[in-house]
Amino acid sequence: MRFREEMLAAPLPENIEKLKWHGDFKTALQVIERYLKRDIPELLKERLMAEREILALLPGQYPYSWEEGFALLAENFTDFTREEFQELWEEDAMEWIYIHGQVHFKDNFLENLVKTREQLAQRLRCQKLREGKDSNAACLNQVISYMKEQGGICCRFHMRSTLRLEEEREGEWLKVYLPVPVEYAQVTSFRLLKAVILKETGEETVLPLKSQDELEKMDGALGGRPEDEAYAFLAPKHAPQRTVLFKARHEKGSQYEIQYQYEVKMPYIACYEAADREEGSGSLEGLSGQEAAEDGQAGEEREMIRRGWIPEREEDMPCHYLGEQLPHIHFSSYLKGITEEITGGEKDPLRKARRIYDYITTHLMYSFVRSYFAIPRLVDYAATGWKGDCGIQALLFITMCRIAGVPARWQSGLYTRPEDPGCHDWAMFYAEPYGWLYADCSFGGSAERMGCEERRRFYFGNLDPFRMPSCCQFQADFIPPSEGLRQDPYDNQTGEAEYPDRMLQREETKTIHQVVEFSVATC
């Protein structure tokens, strides 16, 4: 069943909220069924039906009891005490919920502590758990230095993504959506190299690649009627959540694989420093780290920077990124109040955006969270508890910028550092005369925690080149749309799979992203 995302803004009946947060999910589900038998508004009915799905997700994401959680940390950190454990819990440093009235911790709370608590990370019995953190920081520092010296960077990527099923139905029609780059902003020269089904025998099946016109003429249903046929489809280059779609009858052991190439062109602009200049005195001249590199930029390239490489379409105009987008991007009196407090009456858009970025990167703690679908208002989660992962931080930045009158939008996909590609979200904002710029509050906050002010400042206005943006719009649907409730209805980074009667959930699929080849290219 499909849900309207905005209905998550509807409140739950208080008795269900009480049962849910006490962790009595069985009784909560029973009460929901009683409500659904009553004559209630359709919006509330839809909200309760969505809550059934949320309650089914929660227990599996919080496997550790209090004693099991303490034992895990005592095993991994030297001289770890129960007093420390209690203090971390009271500080909300460990994501938790009640299950049957007892505290349970999220599956990756150990990794979260290593990521965010340097003093604890230094006490790890096995330092391999933090090696990736240190090597990533060293790599980013090197790349940032290169970009400042050269005025930017251009990189070429060859990527492979493979999805396999944990929940297999032999002979069933199946749709698989795998993410690929949206061709805009920093992305150029995209090319789909391969879209194949890998059989258990090692054989590869290449499906016919349908055009959009061909697809529109076909019956889009998933049923097994004679007119159904297997095919692959590459979504249009500006699709808000771009994918390659496979449609085929599933054979046991089959995996779905794509390979593609693209380039990332990322100039360096010293936006953080530019915000210190007097109002009206700034231009693109002198904004990059090296005056010679900046003076040598062609006028055409500067215009590309100003426009943010956004296609000249009506929906990409900055004025379209100033409003609410329920349920998450909303302008409550509380959010308006803290935005005004943080921006302090500032009028200049660039300086307003920087004040918001500064506050988030110095006050909000990174935290892994439960599935986004299980958090009714993501921005409220961040703006009250002052914690959240990369996507929640990006949404808070976007919301506060829009409240302050600064156009801001979503961008997400993969962080493609060759050693450890993975999912990541960040933001874009608009400020003349520079056009669309970037803000990665998560990476900026990480630099703050590690004491690297230069790197923190870099991620206001700039990005490293290790990005594959597959999404340019939050909570958009696929093309063609999915039929059921997606495992992540807001974003698409790991791919989705769908049988005729339902979408598969996160634990029922596994996607592996690999950087096959990476090189610095000539811009």
Protein backbone atom coordinates (compact mmCIF):
# COMPACT_ATOMS: atom_id res chain seq x y z
CA MET A 1 0.00 0.00 0.00
CA ARG A 2 1.18 3.53 -0.78
CA PHE A 3 1.05 6.28 1.82
CA ARG A 4 1.02 10.03 1.51
CA GLU A 5 4.14 11.11 3.39
CA GLU A 6 2.46 14.27 4.66
CA MET A 7 -0.02 12.22 6.70
CA LEU A 8 2.81 11.45 9.16
CA ALA A 9 2.26 15.00 10.41
CA ALA A 10 -1.08 13.81 11.82
CA PRO A 11 -0.87 13.05 15.56
CA LEU A 12 -1.49 9.60 16.98
CA PRO A 13 -4.18 9.06 19.61
CA GLU A 14 -2.58 9.52 23.02
CA ASN A 15 -3.36 6.00 24.23
CA ILE A 16 -1.44 4.55 21.26
CA GLU A 17 1.48 6.92 21.89
CA LYS A 18 1.63 5.77 25.53
CA LEU A 19 1.67 2.10 24.54
CA LYS A 20 4.22 2.69 21.78
CA TRP A 21 6.78 4.49 23.92
CA HIS A 22 6.32 2.02 26.77
CA GLY A 23 7.27 -0.63 24.22
CA ASP A 24 3.98 -2.55 24.40
CA PHE A 25 3.80 -2.95 20.63
CA LYS A 26 1.40 -5.93 20.71
CA THR A 27 -1.27 -4.01 22.61
CA ALA A 28 -0.66 -0.90 20.50
CA LEU A 29 -1.36 -2.93 17.35
CA GLN A 30 -4.53 -4.32 18.91
CA VAL A 31 -5.73 -0.81 19.76
CA ILE A 32 -4.95 0.35 16.21
CA GLU A 33 -7.13 -2.45 14.83
CA ARG A 34 -9.98 -1.31 17.09
CA TYR A 35 -9.67 2.24 15.77
CA LEU A 36 -9.65 1.04 12.15
CA LYS A 37 -13.01 -0.68 12.68
CA ARG A 38 -14.54 2.63 13.75
CA ASP A 39 -15.90 5.42 11.59
CA ILE A 40 -12.87 7.74 11.71
CA PRO A 41 -11.47 10.34 9.27
CA GLU A 42 -9.56 8.91 6.32
CA LEU A 43 -6.41 10.85 7.26
CA LEU A 44 -6.36 9.30 10.74
CA LYS A 45 -7.04 5.87 9.25
CA GLU A 46 -4.09 6.26 6.89
CA ARG A 47 -1.90 7.46 9.76
CA LEU A 48 -2.81 4.42 11.85
CA MET A 49 -2.17 2.03 8.98
CA ALA A 50 1.28 3.57 8.55
CA GLU A 51 1.87 3.24 12.29
CA ARG A 52 1.30 -0.51 11.99
CA GLU A 53 4.27 -0.64 9.64
CA ILE A 54 6.38 1.53 11.96
CA LEU A 55 5.64 -0.65 15.01
CA ALA A 56 6.73 -3.70 13.04
CA LEU A 57 10.08 -2.05 12.26
CA LEU A 58 11.09 -0.81 15.71
CA PRO A 59 11.90 -3.89 17.84
CA GLY A 60 14.35 -5.37 15.34
CA GLN A 61 16.40 -2.15 15.23
CA TYR A 62 16.98 -2.16 19.02
CA PRO A 63 18.35 -5.63 19.90
CA TYR A 64 20.44 -4.87 23.02
CA SER A 65 18.99 -4.90 26.52
CA TRP A 66 20.54 -2.72 29.25
CA GLU A 67 22.81 -5.52 30.47
CA GLU A 68 23.71 -6.63 26.95
CA GLY A 69 24.54 -3.05 26.01
CA PHE A 70 26.79 -2.57 29.02
CA ALA A 71 28.53 -5.90 28.36
CA LEU A 72 29.21 -4.90 24.74
CA LEU A 73 30.86 -1.62 25.77
CA ALA A 74 32.81 -3.21 28.63
CA GLU A 75 34.13 -5.74 26.13
CA ASN A 76 35.27 -3.07 23.66
CA PHE A 77 36.50 -0.21 25.92
CA THR A 78 39.17 -0.53 28.60
CA ASP A 79 38.14 0.23 32.20
CA PHE A 80 34.54 0.93 31.23
CA THR A 81 32.26 1.40 34.23
CA ARG A 82 28.55 1.21 34.91
CA GLU A 83 28.66 4.86 35.99
CA GLU A 84 29.92 5.83 32.52
CA PHE A 85 27.20 3.74 30.94
CA GLN A 86 24.50 5.47 33.00
CA GLU A 87 25.95 8.88 32.18
CA LEU A 88 26.05 8.18 28.42
CA TRP A 89 22.43 7.06 28.55
CA GLU A 90 21.33 10.16 30.45
CA GLU A 91 23.18 12.33 27.90
CA ASP A 92 21.24 10.54 25.12
CA ALA A 93 24.54 9.53 23.52
CA MET A 94 23.15 6.06 22.80
CA GLU A 95 19.98 5.71 20.70
CA TRP A 96 17.38 3.70 22.67
CA ILE A 97 13.70 2.91 23.14
CA TYR A 98 11.58 0.97 25.62
CA ILE A 99 10.57 -2.59 24.70
CA HIS A 100 8.12 -4.09 27.21
CA GLY A 101 9.07 -1.31 29.60
CA GLN A 102 12.80 -2.09 29.44
CA VAL A 103 15.53 0.02 27.81
CA HIS A 104 16.91 -1.41 24.57
CA PHE A 105 19.75 0.08 22.49
CA LYS A 106 20.07 0.41 18.74
CA ASP A 107 22.01 -2.18 16.79
CA ASN A 108 24.90 0.18 15.89
CA PHE A 109 25.20 2.20 19.10
CA LEU A 110 28.80 1.02 19.66
CA GLU A 111 29.87 2.32 16.25
CA ASN A 112 28.10 5.59 17.00
CA LEU A 113 30.09 6.11 20.20
CA VAL A 114 33.37 5.38 18.40
CA LYS A 115 32.40 7.90 15.72
CA THR A 116 31.40 10.72 18.07
CA ARG A 117 33.27 10.26 21.37
CA GLU A 118 37.00 10.60 20.79
CA GLN A 119 37.94 9.93 24.43
CA LEU A 120 36.10 6.62 24.28
CA ALA A 121 37.52 5.79 20.86
CA GLN A 122 41.04 6.11 22.28
CA ARG A 123 40.18 3.41 24.83
CA LEU A 124 39.18 0.82 22.25
CA ARG A 125 40.70 -2.58 22.84
CA CYS A 126 40.74 -3.12 19.08
CA GLN A 127 41.87 0.04 17.28
CA LYS A 128 40.73 -1.37 13.93
CA LEU A 129 37.25 -0.06 14.76
CA ARG A 130 38.54 3.51 14.38
CA GLU A 131 41.04 3.09 11.53
CA GLY A 132 38.50 4.06 8.87
CA LYS A 133 37.68 7.28 10.72
CA ASP A 134 41.32 8.41 10.83
CA SER A 135 42.18 7.42 7.25
CA ASN A 136 39.07 9.16 5.93
CA ALA A 137 39.99 12.40 7.72
CA ALA A 138 43.55 12.25 6.34
CA CYS A 139 42.24 11.68 2.81
CA LEU A 140 39.81 14.60 3.04
CA ASN A 141 42.48 16.95 4.37
CA GLN A 142 44.70 16.05 1.44
CA VAL A 143 41.91 16.55 -1.12
CA ILE A 144 40.87 19.88 0.41
CA SER A 145 44.46 21.11 0.23
CA TYR A 146 44.63 20.07 -3.43
CA MET A 147 41.35 21.83 -4.27
CA LYS A 148 42.50 25.05 -2.64
CA GLU A 149 45.80 24.97 -4.51
CA GLN A 150 44.28 24.08 -7.89
CA GLY A 151 40.99 25.99 -7.61
CA GLY A 152 38.97 22.75 -7.72
CA ILE A 153 39.10 19.14 -8.82
CA CYS A 154 37.59 16.86 -11.46
CA CYS A 155 37.34 13.10 -10.81
CA ARG A 156 36.17 10.12 -12.84
CA PHE A 157 34.38 7.17 -11.24
CA HIS A 158 33.50 3.66 -12.40
CA MET A 159 30.91 2.23 -10.00
CA ARG A 160 29.27 -1.16 -9.49
CA SER A 161 26.09 -1.75 -7.46
CA THR A 162 24.71 -5.24 -6.82
CA LEU A 163 21.46 -6.11 -5.04
CA ARG A 164 20.55 -9.58 -3.83
CA LEU A 165 17.43 -10.80 -2.06
CA GLU A 166 17.18 -12.35 1.37
CA GLU A 167 13.47 -12.99 0.76
CA GLU A 168 13.28 -14.96 -2.49
CA ARG A 169 10.16 -16.03 -4.36
CA GLU A 170 11.01 -18.32 -7.23
CA GLY A 171 9.23 -17.35 -10.44
CA GLU A 172 7.55 -14.22 -9.02
CA TRP A 173 7.55 -10.98 -10.97
CA LEU A 174 9.97 -8.58 -9.31
CA LYS A 175 10.95 -4.96 -9.68
CA VAL A 176 14.40 -3.82 -8.55
CA TYR A 177 15.40 -0.14 -8.42
CA LEU A 178 19.13 0.67 -8.17
CA PRO A 179 20.38 4.28 -7.78
CA VAL A 180 22.43 6.08 -10.45
CA PRO A 181 23.59 9.72 -10.70
CA VAL A 182 21.21 12.55 -11.52
CA GLU A 183 22.88 14.42 -14.39
CA TYR A 184 23.05 17.94 -12.98
CA ALA A 185 25.07 20.00 -10.47
CA GLN A 186 28.52 18.43 -10.12
CA VAL A 187 27.81 15.37 -12.32
CA THR A 188 28.88 15.19 -15.98
CA SER A 189 29.65 12.49 -18.56
CA PHE A 190 27.35 9.81 -17.13
CA ARG A 191 27.30 6.50 -18.99
CA LEU A 192 25.46 3.30 -18.09
CA LEU A 193 27.90 0.48 -18.85
CA LYS A 194 25.96 -2.59 -17.80
CA ALA A 195 22.58 -3.65 -16.38
CA VAL A 196 22.46 -7.42 -15.95
CA ILE A 197 20.91 -10.18 -13.87
CA LEU A 198 23.62 -12.46 -12.47
CA LYS A 199 22.38 -16.06 -12.29
CA GLU A 200 23.50 -18.50 -9.61
CA THR A 201 25.35 -20.38 -12.37
CA GLY A 202 27.44 -17.30 -13.18
CA GLU A 203 25.53 -16.59 -16.39
CA GLU A 204 24.56 -12.96 -17.10
CA THR A 205 21.15 -12.04 -18.51
CA VAL A 206 20.91 -8.69 -20.28
CA LEU A 207 17.36 -7.34 -20.35
CA PRO A 208 16.17 -5.10 -23.21
CA LEU A 209 16.60 -1.45 -22.18
CA LYS A 210 13.26 0.26 -22.75
CA SER A 211 12.86 3.92 -23.60
CA GLN A 212 10.48 6.14 -21.64
CA ASP A 213 8.06 6.22 -24.59
CA GLU A 214 8.06 2.42 -24.78
CA LEU A 215 7.49 2.14 -21.06
CA GLU A 216 4.58 4.58 -21.13
CA LYS A 217 2.88 2.46 -23.78
CA MET A 218 3.22 -0.71 -21.69
CA ASP A 219 0.93 -1.84 -18.88
CA GLY A 220 2.89 -0.87 -15.76
CA ALA A 221 1.27 -3.52 -13.53
CA LEU A 222 3.39 -6.23 -11.96
CA GLY A 223 0.99 -9.14 -12.55
CA GLY A 224 1.80 -12.22 -14.61
CA ARG A 225 -0.44 -11.52 -17.59
CA PRO A 226 0.72 -12.60 -21.07
CA GLU A 227 1.53 -9.02 -22.08
CA ASP A 228 4.08 -8.70 -19.28
CA GLU A 229 7.71 -8.86 -20.32
CA ALA A 230 11.06 -8.54 -18.65
CA TYR A 231 12.95 -5.29 -19.25
CA ALA A 232 15.34 -2.71 -17.82
CA PHE A 233 14.75 1.03 -17.75
CA LEU A 234 17.07 3.99 -17.09
CA ALA A 235 15.14 6.89 -15.57
CA PRO A 236 15.45 10.34 -17.24
CA LYS A 237 18.67 12.16 -16.45
CA HIS A 238 16.91 14.79 -14.27
CA ALA A 239 14.70 12.31 -12.35
CA PRO A 240 14.45 13.51 -8.72
CA GLN A 241 15.41 10.03 -7.46
CA ARG A 242 17.13 8.46 -10.41
CA THR A 243 17.35 4.67 -10.82
CA VAL A 244 17.86 1.79 -13.17
CA LEU A 245 14.76 -0.41 -12.98
CA PHE A 246 14.82 -4.17 -13.56
CA LYS A 247 11.53 -6.00 -14.12
CA ALA A 248 11.76 -9.79 -14.42
CA ARG A 249 10.62 -13.09 -12.97
CA HIS A 250 12.99 -13.83 -10.13
CA GLU A 251 15.13 -16.97 -10.22
CA LYS A 252 16.56 -18.21 -6.95
CA GLY A 253 20.07 -16.94 -6.28
CA SER A 254 19.90 -14.21 -8.93
CA GLN A 255 21.50 -10.83 -8.24
CA TYR A 256 20.82 -7.52 -9.98
CA GLU A 257 23.86 -5.51 -11.03
CA ILE A 258 24.60 -2.21 -12.71
CA GLN A 259 27.89 -0.60 -13.66
CA TYR A 260 28.28 3.01 -14.72
CA GLN A 261 30.76 5.84 -15.18
CA TYR A 262 30.49 9.54 -14.41
CA GLU A 263 32.63 12.56 -13.63
CA VAL A 264 32.42 14.99 -10.74
CA LYS A 265 33.53 18.55 -11.37
CA MET A 266 33.97 20.44 -8.12
CA PRO A 267 35.40 23.98 -8.00
CA TYR A 268 36.63 25.47 -4.76
CA ILE A 269 35.00 28.71 -3.57
CA ALA A 270 36.03 30.29 -0.27
CA CYS A 271 32.45 30.96 0.81
CA TYR A 272 33.10 30.82 4.52
CA GLU A 273 35.65 33.61 4.29
CA ALA A 274 33.48 35.56 1.84
CA ALA A 275 30.73 35.77 4.47
CA ASP A 276 33.10 37.89 6.59
CA ARG A 277 33.38 40.57 3.93
CA GLU A 278 31.32 43.70 4.11
CA GLU A 279 27.91 43.50 2.50
CA GLY A 280 27.98 44.52 -1.16
CA SER A 281 31.76 44.22 -1.52
CA GLY A 282 31.88 40.60 -2.66
CA SER A 283 32.06 39.07 -6.12
CA LEU A 284 33.41 35.83 -7.47
CA GLU A 285 36.85 37.43 -7.79
CA GLY A 286 39.22 36.44 -5.05
CA LEU A 287 37.03 33.75 -3.54
CA SER A 288 39.21 30.70 -4.17
CA GLY A 289 42.26 29.81 -2.15
CA GLN A 290 44.75 30.69 -4.90
CA GLU A 291 44.39 34.12 -6.54
CA ALA A 292 46.12 32.88 -9.67
CA ALA A 293 43.73 29.95 -10.03
CA GLU A 294 40.75 32.22 -9.49
CA ASP A 295 41.96 34.87 -11.92
CA GLY A 296 42.42 32.19 -14.55
CA GLN A 297 38.85 30.88 -14.41
CA ALA A 298 36.96 31.29 -17.65
CA GLY A 299 33.80 33.37 -17.66
CA GLU A 300 31.80 30.35 -18.77
CA GLU A 301 33.02 28.32 -15.80
CA ARG A 302 32.12 31.13 -13.42
CA GLU A 303 28.65 31.20 -14.87
CA MET A 304 28.40 27.45 -14.30
CA ILE A 305 29.41 28.05 -10.69
CA ARG A 306 26.79 30.78 -10.32
CA ARG A 307 24.02 28.62 -11.71
CA GLY A 308 25.16 25.56 -9.80
CA TRP A 309 24.98 23.57 -13.04
CA ILE A 310 21.22 23.35 -12.53
CA PRO A 311 19.27 22.67 -15.73
CA GLU A 312 17.34 25.74 -16.82
CA ARG A 313 13.94 24.41 -15.86
CA GLU A 314 11.16 26.20 -14.02
CA GLU A 315 11.22 23.74 -11.10
CA ASP A 316 14.92 24.39 -10.50
CA MET A 317 14.54 28.11 -9.88
CA PRO A 318 15.63 29.14 -6.35
CA CYS A 319 12.17 30.52 -5.52
CA HIS A 320 10.82 26.94 -5.54
CA TYR A 321 13.00 26.06 -2.54
CA LEU A 322 11.67 28.47 0.06
CA GLY A 323 8.49 26.70 1.19
CA GLU A 324 7.41 23.93 3.50
CA GLN A 325 7.37 20.26 2.50
CA LEU A 326 5.34 18.32 5.03
CA PRO A 327 5.74 16.45 7.24
CA HIS A 328 9.42 17.20 7.79
CA ILE A 329 10.24 20.61 6.33
CA HIS A 330 7.76 22.70 8.29
CA PHE A 331 7.83 26.18 9.81
CA SER A 332 6.64 25.81 13.40
CA SER A 333 6.79 28.74 15.79
CA TYR A 334 9.57 26.93 17.64
CA LEU A 335 11.69 26.48 14.50
CA LYS A 336 11.05 30.09 13.51
CA GLY A 337 12.13 31.20 16.96
CA ILE A 338 15.42 29.31 17.05
CA THR A 339 16.19 30.35 13.47
CA GLU A 340 15.75 33.99 14.43
CA GLU A 341 17.86 33.45 17.53
CA ILE A 342 20.67 31.86 15.51
CA THR A 343 20.65 34.29 12.56
CA GLY A 344 20.39 37.27 14.92
CA GLY A 345 18.62 39.64 12.53
CA GLU A 346 21.25 39.16 9.80
CA LYS A 347 20.01 40.27 6.34
CA ASP A 348 22.67 38.89 4.00
CA PRO A 349 21.71 35.37 2.69
CA LEU A 350 25.27 34.03 2.71
CA ARG A 351 25.90 35.15 6.27
CA LYS A 352 22.52 33.82 7.42
CA ALA A 353 23.33 30.42 5.92
CA ARG A 354 26.76 30.46 7.54
CA ARG A 355 25.34 31.23 10.98
CA ILE A 356 22.96 28.29 10.64
CA TYR A 357 25.79 26.03 9.45
CA ASP A 358 28.04 27.18 12.31
CA TYR A 359 25.39 26.44 14.90
CA ILE A 360 24.53 22.98 13.60
CA THR A 361 28.16 21.89 13.19
CA THR A 362 29.13 23.08 16.68
CA HIS A 363 25.99 22.12 18.64
CA LEU A 364 24.39 19.06 17.05
CA MET A 365 25.87 15.62 17.82
CA TYR A 366 25.99 13.02 15.07
CA SER A 367 23.81 10.01 15.84
CA PHE A 368 22.67 6.94 13.96
CA VAL A 369 18.88 6.78 14.14
CA ARG A 370 16.03 4.36 13.50
CA SER A 371 14.43 4.23 10.05
CA TYR A 372 13.36 7.68 8.89
CA PHE A 373 9.85 6.38 8.31
CA ALA A 374 9.64 5.68 12.06
CA ILE A 375 10.38 9.34 12.96
CA PRO A 376 7.24 11.42 12.27
CA ARG A 377 9.06 14.80 12.11
CA LEU A 378 12.75 14.51 11.35
CA VAL A 379 13.52 18.21 11.79
CA ASP A 380 11.83 18.33 15.22
CA TYR A 381 13.90 15.30 16.24
CA ALA A 382 17.07 17.28 15.48
CA ALA A 383 15.96 20.66 16.79
CA THR A 384 14.89 19.38 20.21
CA GLY A 385 17.36 16.58 21.00
CA TRP A 386 20.18 18.26 19.04
CA LYS A 387 21.37 15.02 17.52
CA GLY A 388 20.86 13.24 14.22
CA ASP A 389 22.56 11.61 11.26
CA CYS A 390 23.65 13.23 7.99
CA GLY A 391 20.16 13.39 6.46
CA ILE A 392 18.52 14.82 9.57
CA GLN A 393 21.23 17.47 9.83
CA ALA A 394 20.78 18.35 6.15
CA LEU A 395 17.01 18.69 6.62
CA LEU A 396 17.46 20.92 9.67
CA PHE A 397 19.84 23.15 7.69
CA ILE A 398 17.42 23.28 4.73
CA THR A 399 14.43 24.08 6.94
CA MET A 400 16.16 26.84 8.88
CA CYS A 401 17.57 28.36 5.68
CA ARG A 402 14.11 28.46 4.12
CA ILE A 403 12.63 30.02 7.25
CA ALA A 404 15.40 32.65 7.01
CA GLY A 405 14.53 33.31 3.35
CA VAL A 406 17.54 31.45 1.89
CA PRO A 407 16.61 28.93 -0.86
CA ALA A 408 17.85 25.47 0.12
CA ARG A 409 17.40 21.99 -1.30
CA TRP A 410 18.31 18.35 -0.81
CA GLN A 411 21.07 16.30 -2.40
CA SER A 412 22.05 12.77 -1.48
CA GLY A 413 23.31 9.45 -2.71
CA LEU A 414 26.68 7.86 -2.04
CA TYR A 415 29.95 8.94 -0.50
CA THR A 416 32.32 7.30 -2.99
CA ARG A 417 35.74 7.28 -1.36
CA PRO A 418 37.18 4.11 -2.96
CA GLU A 419 38.05 2.41 0.34
CA ASP A 420 34.62 2.67 1.95
CA PRO A 421 31.71 3.82 -0.29
CA GLY A 422 28.46 4.27 1.60
CA CYS A 423 25.21 6.22 1.92
CA HIS A 424 25.29 9.94 2.60
CA ASP A 425 23.05 13.05 2.54
CA TRP A 426 23.87 16.76 2.36
CA ALA A 427 22.32 20.09 1.32
CA MET A 428 22.53 22.88 -1.24
CA PHE A 429 21.66 26.54 -0.71
CA TYR A 430 21.46 29.59 -2.95
CA ALA A 431 23.24 32.90 -2.40
CA GLU A 432 24.01 35.54 -5.00
CA PRO A 433 26.37 36.20 -6.65
CA TYR A 434 27.62 32.65 -6.22
CA GLY A 435 24.48 30.67 -7.09
CA TRP A 436 23.90 27.17 -5.73
CA LEU A 437 26.44 26.18 -3.09
CA TYR A 438 26.84 23.11 -0.87
CA ALA A 439 26.63 22.52 2.87
CA ASP A 440 27.58 19.24 4.50
CA CYS A 441 26.80 19.73 8.18
CA SER A 442 27.63 16.11 9.03
CA PHE A 443 31.16 16.30 7.63
CA GLY A 444 31.55 19.78 9.11
CA GLY A 445 30.48 18.50 12.54
CA SER A 446 32.91 15.60 12.29
CA ALA A 447 35.73 18.07 11.57
CA GLU A 448 34.64 20.11 14.60
CA ARG A 449 34.80 17.05 16.87
CA MET A 450 38.28 16.21 15.53
CA GLY A 451 39.52 19.78 16.03
CA CYS A 452 40.01 20.53 12.31
CA GLU A 453 38.60 24.02 11.79
CA GLU A 454 39.90 24.29 8.22
CA ARG A 455 37.93 21.23 7.16
CA ARG A 456 34.82 22.39 9.01
CA ARG A 457 34.90 25.71 7.14
CA PHE A 458 35.45 23.96 3.81
CA TYR A 459 32.10 22.14 3.96
CA PHE A 460 30.24 25.43 3.98
CA GLY A 461 29.94 26.09 0.25
CA ASN A 462 32.06 23.17 -0.96
CA LEU A 463 32.13 19.40 -1.19
CA ASP A 464 34.85 16.85 -1.69
CA PRO A 465 34.60 15.06 -5.08
CA PHE A 466 33.64 11.69 -3.54
CA ARG A 467 29.94 12.05 -4.28
CA MET A 468 27.34 10.25 -6.37
CA PRO A 469 24.12 12.29 -6.09
CA SER A 470 21.22 10.01 -7.00
CA CYS A 471 18.58 12.22 -5.34
CA CYS A 472 17.93 15.92 -5.88
CA GLN A 473 14.55 16.01 -4.14
CA PHE A 474 13.51 14.72 -0.74
CA GLN A 475 10.56 12.26 -0.56
CA ALA A 476 10.16 12.04 -4.35
CA ASP A 477 9.02 8.85 -6.04
CA PHE A 478 10.77 6.72 -8.61
CA ILE A 479 10.12 6.87 -12.34
CA PRO A 480 8.08 4.74 -12.92
CA PRO A 481 6.65 4.87 -9.38
CA SER A 482 6.78 1.97 -6.96
CA GLU A 483 3.49 0.44 -5.88
CA GLY A 484 4.11 -0.34 -2.21
CA LEU A 485 5.60 1.16 0.94
CA ARG A 486 9.30 1.67 0.29
CA GLN A 487 11.86 0.79 2.96
CA ASP A 488 12.97 4.43 2.70
CA PRO A 489 10.14 6.53 1.22
CA TYR A 490 12.23 9.71 1.41
CA ASP A 491 15.52 8.81 -0.18
CA ASN A 492 17.14 6.14 -2.34
CA GLN A 493 20.68 5.01 -1.73
CA THR A 494 20.69 1.24 -1.27
CA GLY A 495 18.07 0.30 -3.85
CA GLU A 496 14.60 -1.15 -3.44
CA ALA A 497 12.85 -4.35 -4.51
CA GLU A 498 9.14 -5.00 -4.98
CA TYR A 499 6.98 -8.09 -5.44
CA PRO A 500 3.44 -7.70 -6.84
CA ASP A 501 1.92 -7.50 -3.34
CA ARG A 502 4.54 -5.54 -1.37
CA MET A 503 7.88 -3.77 -1.22
CA LEU A 504 10.70 -5.66 0.48
CA GLN A 505 12.05 -4.15 3.69
CA ARG A 506 15.64 -3.33 4.62
CA GLU A 507 16.52 -6.71 6.12
CA GLU A 508 15.13 -8.53 3.07
CA THR A 509 17.63 -7.10 0.58
CA LYS A 510 21.36 -6.42 0.59
CA THR A 511 23.11 -3.98 -1.75
CA ILE A 512 26.86 -3.68 -2.20
CA HIS A 513 28.33 -0.53 -3.78
CA GLN A 514 31.90 -0.69 -5.10
CA VAL A 515 34.24 1.84 -6.66
CA VAL A 516 35.71 -0.20 -9.52
CA GLU A 517 38.01 2.56 -10.73
CA PHE A 518 38.77 6.11 -9.64
CA SER A 519 41.03 8.75 -11.16
CA VAL A 520 41.62 12.48 -11.08
CA ALA A 521 40.62 13.78 -14.49
CA THR A 522 41.52 16.89 -16.45
CA CYS A 523 38.82 19.52 -16.03
